C-alpha atoms as a PDB file:
ATOM      1  CA  MET A   1     -22.493 -30.164 -73.350  1.00  0.00           C
ATOM      2  CA  SER A   2     -21.590 -33.340 -71.485  1.00  0.00           C
ATOM      3  CA  GLN A   3     -22.652 -34.532 -68.080  1.00  0.00           C
ATOM      4  CA  LYS A   4     -21.113 -37.067 -65.764  1.00  0.00           C
ATOM      5  CA  VAL A   5     -22.917 -38.672 -62.831  1.00  0.00           C
ATOM      6  CA  LEU A   6     -21.080 -37.778 -59.617  1.00  0.00           C
ATOM      7  CA  LEU A   7     -23.534 -39.407 -57.199  1.00  0.00           C
ATOM      8  CA  THR A   8     -26.299 -41.937 -57.737  1.00  0.00           C
ATOM      9  CA  SER A   9     -29.450 -42.183 -55.655  1.00  0.00           C
ATOM     10  CA  LYS A  10     -27.892 -44.949 -53.555  1.00  0.00           C
ATOM     11  CA  GLU A  11     -24.722 -42.917 -52.917  1.00  0.00           C
ATOM     12  CA  ILE A  12     -26.764 -39.845 -51.959  1.00  0.00           C
ATOM     13  CA  ASN A  13     -28.751 -41.962 -49.496  1.00  0.00           C
ATOM     14  CA  ILE A  14     -25.557 -43.278 -47.889  1.00  0.00           C
ATOM     15  CA  ILE A  15     -24.152 -39.750 -47.603  1.00  0.00           C
ATOM     16  CA  LEU A  16     -27.399 -38.429 -46.072  1.00  0.00           C
ATOM     17  CA  HIS A  17     -27.298 -41.131 -43.387  1.00  0.00           C
ATOM     18  CA  ARG A  18     -23.650 -40.316 -42.633  1.00  0.00           C
ATOM     19  CA  LEU A  19     -24.421 -36.584 -42.378  1.00  0.00           C
ATOM     20  CA  ALA A  20     -27.394 -37.303 -40.075  1.00  0.00           C
ATOM     21  CA  CYS A  21     -25.114 -39.425 -37.885  1.00  0.00           C
ATOM     22  CA  GLN A  22     -22.556 -36.608 -37.687  1.00  0.00           C
ATOM     23  CA  LEU A  23     -25.292 -34.131 -36.721  1.00  0.00           C
ATOM     24  CA  MET A  24     -26.497 -36.569 -34.073  1.00  0.00           C
ATOM     25  CA  GLU A  25     -22.995 -36.874 -32.603  1.00  0.00           C
ATOM     26  CA  ASN A  26     -22.675 -33.101 -32.225  1.00  0.00           C
ATOM     27  CA  HIS A  27     -26.245 -32.124 -31.297  1.00  0.00           C
ATOM     28  CA  LEU A  28     -27.635 -35.171 -29.405  1.00  0.00           C
ATOM     29  CA  ASP A  29     -31.278 -34.266 -28.629  1.00  0.00           C
ATOM     30  CA  PHE A  30     -31.418 -31.104 -30.820  1.00  0.00           C
ATOM     31  CA  LYS A  31     -33.034 -29.203 -27.928  1.00  0.00           C
ATOM     32  CA  ASP A  32     -30.903 -26.085 -28.523  1.00  0.00           C
ATOM     33  CA  THR A  33     -30.326 -26.616 -32.252  1.00  0.00           C
ATOM     34  CA  ALA A  34     -32.100 -25.267 -35.323  1.00  0.00           C
ATOM     35  CA  LEU A  35     -31.643 -26.753 -38.784  1.00  0.00           C
ATOM     36  CA  ILE A  36     -32.145 -24.150 -41.497  1.00  0.00           C
ATOM     37  CA  GLY A  37     -32.380 -25.017 -45.178  1.00  0.00           C
ATOM     38  CA  ILE A  38     -31.220 -22.249 -47.467  1.00  0.00           C
ATOM     39  CA  GLN A  39     -33.943 -21.778 -50.056  1.00  0.00           C
ATOM     40  CA  PRO A  40     -34.650 -23.193 -52.450  1.00  0.00           C
ATOM     41  CA  ARG A  41     -32.523 -26.328 -52.816  1.00  0.00           C
ATOM     42  CA  GLY A  42     -31.117 -26.549 -49.299  1.00  0.00           C
ATOM     43  CA  GLY A  43     -34.685 -27.081 -48.126  1.00  0.00           C
ATOM     44  CA  PHE A  44     -34.909 -30.485 -49.827  1.00  0.00           C
ATOM     45  CA  LEU A  45     -31.686 -31.597 -48.134  1.00  0.00           C
ATOM     46  CA  ALA A  46     -32.816 -30.274 -44.733  1.00  0.00           C
ATOM     47  CA  GLU A  47     -36.163 -32.091 -44.935  1.00  0.00           C
ATOM     48  CA  ARG A  48     -34.439 -35.348 -45.851  1.00  0.00           C
ATOM     49  CA  LEU A  49     -32.049 -35.061 -42.916  1.00  0.00           C
ATOM     50  CA  VAL A  50     -34.886 -34.344 -40.477  1.00  0.00           C
ATOM     51  CA  LYS A  51     -36.760 -37.449 -41.723  1.00  0.00           C
ATOM     52  CA  ILE A  52     -33.672 -39.589 -41.113  1.00  0.00           C
ATOM     53  CA  LEU A  53     -33.059 -38.079 -37.659  1.00  0.00           C
ATOM     54  CA  LYS A  54     -36.658 -38.690 -36.592  1.00  0.00           C
ATOM     55  CA  LYS A  55     -36.916 -42.196 -38.044  1.00  0.00           C
ATOM     56  CA  GLU A  56     -33.450 -43.627 -37.355  1.00  0.00           C
ATOM     57  CA  TYR A  57     -32.518 -41.752 -34.166  1.00  0.00           C
ATOM     58  CA  LYS A  58     -36.018 -41.203 -32.715  1.00  0.00           C
ATOM     59  CA  ILE A  59     -35.553 -37.447 -32.284  1.00  0.00           C
ATOM     60  CA  LYS A  60     -39.014 -36.178 -31.394  1.00  0.00           C
ATOM     61  CA  HIS A  61     -38.676 -32.450 -32.067  1.00  0.00           C
ATOM     62  CA  ILE A  62     -36.320 -30.581 -34.377  1.00  0.00           C
ATOM     63  CA  ASP A  63     -36.631 -26.878 -35.149  1.00  0.00           C
ATOM     64  CA  LEU A  64     -36.575 -26.805 -38.959  1.00  0.00           C
ATOM     65  CA  GLY A  65     -36.709 -23.575 -40.895  1.00  0.00           C
ATOM     66  CA  PHE A  66     -36.303 -22.438 -44.481  1.00  0.00           C
ATOM     67  CA  LEU A  67     -34.450 -19.184 -45.113  1.00  0.00           C
ATOM     68  CA  ASP A  68     -34.767 -17.111 -48.276  1.00  0.00           C
ATOM     69  CA  ILE A  69     -31.604 -15.101 -48.931  1.00  0.00           C
ATOM     70  CA  THR A  70     -32.629 -13.394 -52.198  1.00  0.00           C
ATOM     71  CA  PHE A  71     -32.715  -9.837 -50.857  1.00  0.00           C
ATOM     72  CA  PHE A  72     -29.454 -10.294 -48.933  1.00  0.00           C
ATOM     73  CA  ARG A  73     -27.388 -11.447 -51.917  1.00  0.00           C
ATOM     74  CA  ASP A  74     -24.596  -9.152 -53.086  1.00  0.00           C
ATOM     75  CA  ASP A  75     -25.786  -9.524 -56.704  1.00  0.00           C
ATOM     76  CA  PHE A  76     -29.388  -8.505 -55.928  1.00  0.00           C
ATOM     77  CA  GLY A  77     -30.449  -5.788 -58.365  1.00  0.00           C
ATOM     78  CA  ARG A  78     -27.426  -6.278 -60.646  1.00  0.00           C
ATOM     79  CA  GLY A  79     -28.855  -7.339 -63.970  1.00  0.00           C
ATOM     80  CA  GLU A  80     -30.639 -10.684 -63.694  1.00  0.00           C
ATOM     81  CA  ILE A  81     -34.023 -10.535 -61.987  1.00  0.00           C
ATOM     82  CA  LEU A  82     -33.967 -12.931 -59.063  1.00  0.00           C
ATOM     83  CA  LYS A  83     -37.057 -14.836 -57.957  1.00  0.00           C
ATOM     84  CA  ALA A  84     -37.608 -14.792 -54.211  1.00  0.00           C
ATOM     85  CA  ASN A  85     -38.587 -17.911 -52.277  1.00  0.00           C
ATOM     86  CA  SER A  86     -40.463 -18.044 -49.004  1.00  0.00           C
ATOM     87  CA  THR A  87     -38.888 -17.885 -45.579  1.00  0.00           C
ATOM     88  CA  GLN A  88     -40.536 -20.243 -43.108  1.00  0.00           C
ATOM     89  CA  MET A  89     -39.189 -19.764 -39.595  1.00  0.00           C
ATOM     90  CA  ASN A  90     -41.686 -20.255 -36.762  1.00  0.00           C
ATOM     91  CA  PHE A  91     -39.026 -19.913 -34.064  1.00  0.00           C
ATOM     92  CA  LEU A  92     -36.264 -17.552 -32.999  1.00  0.00           C
ATOM     93  CA  VAL A  93     -32.622 -18.583 -33.156  1.00  0.00           C
ATOM     94  CA  GLU A  94     -31.590 -16.560 -30.123  1.00  0.00           C
ATOM     95  CA  ASP A  95     -28.879 -18.501 -28.240  1.00  0.00           C
ATOM     96  CA  LYS A  96     -29.448 -21.605 -30.409  1.00  0.00           C
ATOM     97  CA  LYS A  97     -26.909 -23.614 -32.352  1.00  0.00           C
ATOM     98  CA  VAL A  98     -27.823 -23.042 -35.990  1.00  0.00           C
ATOM     99  CA  VAL A  99     -26.908 -25.423 -38.789  1.00  0.00           C
ATOM    100  CA  PHE A 100     -27.250 -23.892 -42.254  1.00  0.00           C
ATOM    101  CA  ILE A 101     -28.004 -26.562 -44.855  1.00  0.00           C
ATOM    102  CA  ASP A 102     -27.399 -26.128 -48.585  1.00  0.00           C
ATOM    103  CA  ASP A 103     -26.912 -28.510 -51.483  1.00  0.00           C
ATOM    104  CA  VAL A 104     -23.757 -26.998 -53.023  1.00  0.00           C
ATOM    105  CA  LEU A 105     -21.104 -24.761 -51.478  1.00  0.00           C
ATOM    106  CA  TYR A 106     -19.580 -22.873 -54.373  1.00  0.00           C
ATOM    107  CA  THR A 107     -18.305 -19.304 -53.884  1.00  0.00           C
ATOM    108  CA  GLY A 108     -19.564 -18.868 -50.321  1.00  0.00           C
ATOM    109  CA  ARG A 109     -21.665 -15.840 -51.243  1.00  0.00           C
ATOM    110  CA  SER A 110     -24.972 -17.573 -50.467  1.00  0.00           C
ATOM    111  CA  ILE A 111     -23.705 -18.409 -46.998  1.00  0.00           C
ATOM    112  CA  ARG A 112     -22.594 -14.810 -46.482  1.00  0.00           C
ATOM    113  CA  ALA A 113     -26.127 -13.726 -47.401  1.00  0.00           C
ATOM    114  CA  ALA A 114     -27.594 -16.319 -45.010  1.00  0.00           C
ATOM    115  CA  LEU A 115     -25.405 -14.986 -42.181  1.00  0.00           C
ATOM    116  CA  THR A 116     -26.942 -11.549 -42.732  1.00  0.00           C
ATOM    117  CA  ALA A 117     -30.509 -12.819 -43.202  1.00  0.00           C
ATOM    118  CA  ILE A 118     -30.518 -14.930 -40.018  1.00  0.00           C
ATOM    119  CA  GLN A 119     -29.979 -11.826 -37.883  1.00  0.00           C
ATOM    120  CA  SER A 120     -33.677 -11.012 -38.288  1.00  0.00           C
ATOM    121  CA  PHE A 121     -34.464 -14.086 -36.177  1.00  0.00           C
ATOM    122  CA  GLY A 122     -32.099 -13.478 -33.272  1.00  0.00           C
ATOM    123  CA  ARG A 123     -28.478 -14.026 -32.402  1.00  0.00           C
ATOM    124  CA  PRO A 124     -27.412 -17.694 -32.547  1.00  0.00           C
ATOM    125  CA  SER A 125     -24.865 -19.021 -30.070  1.00  0.00           C
ATOM    126  CA  SER A 126     -23.044 -20.693 -32.984  1.00  0.00           C
ATOM    127  CA  ILE A 127     -23.464 -21.371 -36.684  1.00  0.00           C
ATOM    128  CA  GLU A 128     -22.339 -24.459 -38.581  1.00  0.00           C
ATOM    129  CA  LEU A 129     -22.634 -25.307 -42.270  1.00  0.00           C
ATOM    130  CA  LEU A 130     -23.718 -28.615 -43.786  1.00  0.00           C
ATOM    131  CA  THR A 131     -23.456 -29.092 -47.538  1.00  0.00           C
ATOM    132  CA  LEU A 132     -23.967 -32.088 -49.791  1.00  0.00           C
ATOM    133  CA  ILE A 133     -21.344 -30.928 -52.323  1.00  0.00           C
ATOM    134  CA  ASP A 134     -18.291 -28.794 -51.521  1.00  0.00           C
ATOM    135  CA  ARG A 135     -16.681 -27.228 -54.598  1.00  0.00           C
ATOM    136  CA  ARG A 136     -13.472 -26.484 -52.756  1.00  0.00           C
ATOM    137  CA  PHE A 137     -11.487 -24.618 -55.442  1.00  0.00           C
ATOM    138  CA  SER A 138     -14.220 -22.082 -56.211  1.00  0.00           C
ATOM    139  CA  ARG A 139     -14.445 -20.058 -53.005  1.00  0.00           C
ATOM    140  CA  HIS A 140     -14.582 -16.254 -53.131  1.00  0.00           C
ATOM    141  CA  LEU A 141     -15.010 -15.938 -49.363  1.00  0.00           C
ATOM    142  CA  PRO A 142     -13.260 -17.726 -46.466  1.00  0.00           C
ATOM    143  CA  ILE A 143     -16.185 -20.045 -45.730  1.00  0.00           C
ATOM    144  CA  GLN A 144     -15.798 -23.787 -45.128  1.00  0.00           C
ATOM    145  CA  PRO A 145     -18.402 -26.444 -44.306  1.00  0.00           C
ATOM    146  CA  THR A 146     -18.554 -28.111 -40.901  1.00  0.00           C
ATOM    147  CA  TYR A 147     -20.185 -31.153 -42.506  1.00  0.00           C
ATOM    148  CA  ARG A 148     -19.696 -32.127 -46.152  1.00  0.00           C
ATOM    149  CA  GLY A 149     -21.108 -34.994 -48.145  1.00  0.00           C
ATOM    150  CA  ARG A 150     -18.655 -35.014 -51.033  1.00  0.00           C
ATOM    151  CA  GLN A 151     -15.825 -32.758 -52.102  1.00  0.00           C
ATOM    152  CA  VAL A 152     -15.754 -32.009 -55.832  1.00  0.00           C
ATOM    153  CA  ASP A 153     -12.965 -30.404 -57.825  1.00  0.00           C
ATOM    154  CA  ALA A 154     -15.004 -28.728 -60.556  1.00  0.00           C
ATOM    155  CA  ILE A 155     -12.975 -26.349 -62.704  1.00  0.00           C
ATOM    156  CA  ASN A 156     -13.541 -23.574 -65.253  1.00  0.00           C
ATOM    157  CA  ASP A 157     -17.094 -23.631 -66.608  1.00  0.00           C
ATOM    158  CA  GLU A 158     -18.070 -26.946 -65.029  1.00  0.00           C
ATOM    159  CA  LYS A 159     -21.283 -26.881 -63.038  1.00  0.00           C
ATOM    160  CA  VAL A 160     -22.552 -29.187 -60.306  1.00  0.00           C
ATOM    161  CA  LYS A 161     -26.263 -29.921 -60.516  1.00  0.00           C
ATOM    162  CA  VAL A 162     -28.053 -31.639 -57.642  1.00  0.00           C
ATOM    163  CA  MET A 163     -31.340 -33.320 -58.540  1.00  0.00           C
ATOM    164  CA  TRP A 164     -33.898 -34.108 -55.818  1.00  0.00           C
ATOM    165  CA  GLU A 165     -36.714 -36.629 -56.196  1.00  0.00           C
ATOM    166  CA  GLU A 166     -39.196 -34.144 -54.681  1.00  0.00           C
ATOM    167  CA  ASN A 167     -38.442 -31.464 -57.260  1.00  0.00           C
ATOM    168  CA  ASP A 168     -36.675 -33.081 -60.221  1.00  0.00           C
ATOM    169  CA  GLY A 169     -38.057 -36.627 -60.234  1.00  0.00           C
ATOM    170  CA  GLU A 170     -34.742 -38.300 -59.330  1.00  0.00           C
ATOM    171  CA  ASP A 171     -31.933 -38.193 -56.798  1.00  0.00           C
ATOM    172  CA  LYS A 172     -28.671 -37.648 -58.652  1.00  0.00           C
ATOM    173  CA  VAL A 173     -25.713 -35.287 -58.788  1.00  0.00           C
ATOM    174  CA  TYR A 174     -24.197 -34.357 -62.147  1.00  0.00           C
ATOM    175  CA  LEU A 175     -21.014 -32.589 -63.207  1.00  0.00           C
ATOM    176  CA  ILE A 176     -21.911 -30.665 -66.355  1.00  0.00           C
ATOM    177  CA  SER A 177     -19.240 -29.444 -68.781  1.00  0.00           C
ATOM    178  CA  LYS A 178     -19.827 -27.067 -71.681  1.00  0.00           C
END
């Protein structure tokens, strides 16, 4: 197995600031916007973006939630036992602009599950998708990100692994080949 560094900590930081700037351009004061990290790994990205928005752009209040999609996945109950994460949503999304946040967009199935899961919290006025890594040639569903950090052309059995300081001890993105 070999691994290649796709993004260093410095590059991730630059991308996060660019993504925060793009969110700022489209959502201004975030009054009618909710940022929702798709559990588990989208939560780390969402928290980082909120920190940047509050510190750099002086946004006082941002609705931030964490959505578990385990029981909405189309592979739930098919072999592998999936471990559920917690959903933390202390607000409704009724008539809000929702931005789903995830680390890697691969097949699109996680986003499809998130679209179903969010219905329990109301009907958003719109939904956008922000992803750090877009694996563009791997889609099973017609889902595309509104905001993307980096586009990666991973093929065959290659895997993209995003490491977060909070969980993995470092910020780095690897392309792993078998």
